[in-house]
Each structure stands twice: as structure tokens, then as C-alpha cells.
C-alpha atoms as a PDB file:
ATOM      1  CA  MET A   1       0.000   0.000   0.000  1.00  0.00           C
ATOM      2  CA  ARG A   2       1.211   3.508  -0.798  1.00  0.00           C
ATOM      3  CA  LEU A   3       2.443   5.591   2.142  1.00  0.00           C
ATOM      4  CA  ASP A   4      -0.054   8.424   1.578  1.00  0.00           C
ATOM      5  CA  LYS A   5      -2.960   5.975   1.375  1.00  0.00           C
ATOM      6  CA  PHE A   6      -1.881   4.225   4.590  1.00  0.00           C
ATOM      7  CA  LEU A   7      -1.725   7.547   6.427  1.00  0.00           C
ATOM      8  CA  LYS A   8      -5.279   8.295   5.304  1.00  0.00           C
ATOM      9  CA  VAL A   9      -6.772   4.807   5.868  1.00  0.00           C
ATOM     10  CA  SER A  10      -5.187   4.592   9.342  1.00  0.00           C
ATOM     11  CA  ARG A  11      -6.500   8.104  10.122  1.00  0.00           C
ATOM     12  CA  ILE A  12      -3.035   9.313  11.177  1.00  0.00           C
ATOM     13  CA  ILE A  13      -3.757  12.091   8.658  1.00  0.00           C
ATOM     14  CA  ARG A  14      -7.406  12.724   7.766  1.00  0.00           C
ATOM     15  CA  ARG A  15      -7.051  13.566   4.048  1.00  0.00           C
ATOM     16  CA  ARG A  16      -4.966  11.863   1.396  1.00  0.00           C
ATOM     17  CA  THR A  17      -4.021  15.151  -0.281  1.00  0.00           C
ATOM     18  CA  ILE A  18      -2.590  16.427   3.008  1.00  0.00           C
ATOM     19  CA  ALA A  19      -0.812  13.094   3.541  1.00  0.00           C
ATOM     20  CA  LYS A  20       0.744  13.443   0.073  1.00  0.00           C
ATOM     21  CA  GLU A  21       1.919  16.991   0.854  1.00  0.00           C
ATOM     22  CA  VAL A  22       3.467  15.915   4.176  1.00  0.00           C
ATOM     23  CA  CYS A  23       5.321  13.052   2.465  1.00  0.00           C
ATOM     24  CA  ASP A  24       6.535  15.109  -0.493  1.00  0.00           C
ATOM     25  CA  GLN A  25       7.817  17.862   1.837  1.00  0.00           C
ATOM     26  CA  GLY A  26       9.991  15.388   3.763  1.00  0.00           C
ATOM     27  CA  GLY A  27       7.692  14.942   6.757  1.00  0.00           C
ATOM     28  CA  ALA A  28       7.622  11.138   6.591  1.00  0.00           C
ATOM     29  CA  SER A  29      10.184   8.367   6.561  1.00  0.00           C
ATOM     30  CA  VAL A  30       9.958   4.590   6.324  1.00  0.00           C
ATOM     31  CA  ASN A  31      12.547   2.467   8.138  1.00  0.00           C
ATOM     32  CA  GLY A  32      14.737   5.540   8.629  1.00  0.00           C
ATOM     33  CA  ARG A  33      14.729   6.622   4.980  1.00  0.00           C
ATOM     34  CA  ALA A  34      13.027   9.776   3.701  1.00  0.00           C
ATOM     35  CA  SER A  35      10.038   8.665   1.679  1.00  0.00           C
ATOM     36  CA  LYS A  36       7.695  10.083  -0.924  1.00  0.00           C
ATOM     37  CA  ALA A  37       3.933   9.534  -1.047  1.00  0.00           C
ATOM     38  CA  GLY A  38       4.263   6.601  -3.466  1.00  0.00           C
ATOM     39  CA  THR A  39       6.579   4.539  -1.256  1.00  0.00           C
ATOM     40  CA  GLU A  40       5.132   1.048  -0.811  1.00  0.00           C
ATOM     41  CA  LEU A  41       4.570  -0.031   2.801  1.00  0.00           C
ATOM     42  CA  LYS A  42       4.457  -3.558   4.117  1.00  0.00           C
ATOM     43  CA  THR A  43       3.674  -5.120   7.475  1.00  0.00           C
ATOM     44  CA  GLY A  44       6.502  -4.530   9.963  1.00  0.00           C
ATOM     45  CA  ASP A  45       7.750  -1.246   8.487  1.00  0.00           C
ATOM     46  CA  VAL A  46       8.515   1.543  10.966  1.00  0.00           C
ATOM     47  CA  LEU A  47       7.039   4.870   9.944  1.00  0.00           C
ATOM     48  CA  ASP A  48       8.068   8.311  11.273  1.00  0.00           C
ATOM     49  CA  VAL A  49       5.634  11.163  10.624  1.00  0.00           C
ATOM     50  CA  ARG A  50       6.305  14.789  11.562  1.00  0.00           C
ATOM     51  CA  LEU A  51       3.211  16.965  11.925  1.00  0.00           C
ATOM     52  CA  GLY A  52       4.217  20.469  12.987  1.00  0.00           C
ATOM     53  CA  ASN A  53       6.179  20.040  16.221  1.00  0.00           C
ATOM     54  CA  LYS A  54       4.829  16.516  16.848  1.00  0.00           C
ATOM     55  CA  LEU A  55       6.767  13.367  15.923  1.00  0.00           C
ATOM     56  CA  LEU A  56       4.911  10.067  15.687  1.00  0.00           C
ATOM     57  CA  ARG A  57       6.732   6.745  15.230  1.00  0.00           C
ATOM     58  CA  VAL A  58       4.566   3.718  14.468  1.00  0.00           C
ATOM     59  CA  ARG A  59       4.984   0.115  13.338  1.00  0.00           C
ATOM     60  CA  VAL A  60       2.703  -1.003  10.503  1.00  0.00           C
ATOM     61  CA  LEU A  61       0.624  -4.023  11.584  1.00  0.00           C
ATOM     62  CA  SER A  62      -1.699  -4.329   8.586  1.00  0.00           C
ATOM     63  CA  THR A  63      -2.309  -2.661   5.206  1.00  0.00           C
ATOM     64  CA  PRO A  64      -5.935  -3.220   4.132  1.00  0.00           C
ATOM     65  CA  ASP A  65      -7.433  -1.061   1.375  1.00  0.00           C
ATOM     66  CA  ALA A  66     -10.287   0.111   3.583  1.00  0.00           C
ATOM     67  CA  VAL A  67     -11.207  -0.039   7.259  1.00  0.00           C
ATOM     68  CA  ARG A  68     -13.946   1.343   9.482  1.00  0.00           C
ATOM     69  CA  ALA A  69     -13.030   4.426  11.519  1.00  0.00           C
ATOM     70  CA  GLN A  70     -13.263   2.622  14.866  1.00  0.00           C
ATOM     71  CA  ASP A  71     -10.822  -0.051  13.641  1.00  0.00           C
ATOM     72  CA  ALA A  72      -8.220   2.327  12.169  1.00  0.00           C
ATOM     73  CA  GLN A  73      -5.888   2.264  15.191  1.00  0.00           C
ATOM     74  CA  GLN A  74      -5.517  -1.503  14.821  1.00  0.00           C
ATOM     75  CA  LEU A  75      -3.488  -0.930  11.636  1.00  0.00           C
ATOM     76  CA  TYR A  76      -0.475   0.373  13.560  1.00  0.00           C
ATOM     77  CA  GLU A  77       1.272   0.264  16.919  1.00  0.00           C
ATOM     78  CA  VAL A  78       2.595   3.509  18.391  1.00  0.00           C
ATOM     79  CA  ILE A  79       6.278   3.126  19.251  1.00  0.00           C
ATOM     80  CA  GLU A  80       6.958   6.738  20.231  1.00  0.00           C
ATOM     81  CA  GLU A  81       5.069  10.005  20.291  1.00  0.00           C
ATOM     82  CA  LYS A  82       6.695  13.243  21.313  1.00  0.00           C
ATOM     83  CA  THR A  83       6.210  16.964  21.032  1.00  0.00           C
ATOM     84  CA  GLU A  84       9.281  19.092  20.446  1.00  0.00           C
ATOM     85  CA  GLN A  85       9.667  22.398  22.265  1.00  0.00           C
ATOM     86  CA  LYS A  86      10.684  25.402  20.187  1.00  0.00           C
END
């Protein structure tokens, strides 16, 4: 599954267009490598997403094409979540 689609389906980012922008501006990495929106994800990948001053690190548990909103958090496991002070 594409990185931008996973971010949208998992509800880490609510809209796919915003997910694409975040990825293309260097706000996401997969397994420690800067990644574009089209990067293919697989189960077990570690994803870092920077949203403003918040950093979220998650492990991908599943990559279905669609999921109900209440089940979205079952697609990933939060490894680390921190807010950076400016």
C-alpha cells in the first residue's frame, strides 16, 4: 500500500491530499529513509511522521485497502510520540 494511502486509511492524517503533501515535503520516513507519497509499505515497516512540532513513530501491523473508523488504530502500533519544544 502507498504511504499516503496508509496515512489516510489509518486516520493518522485525515485527508490523502494532506498526507501526500506531508510526504513530499519530507515529513515522513519509512525504516529511517526519507520517503515520498508513493513509497510502498508492508507489514513490519517503521514509519516516522512529523506533523508540525509533533513526531509520531509507528509500526505497521496491517495494510488493508479500507477499514472502518473505529478499527483504524488496529493498523499500527505507536512506538513513540513526542512533542518538540521550540
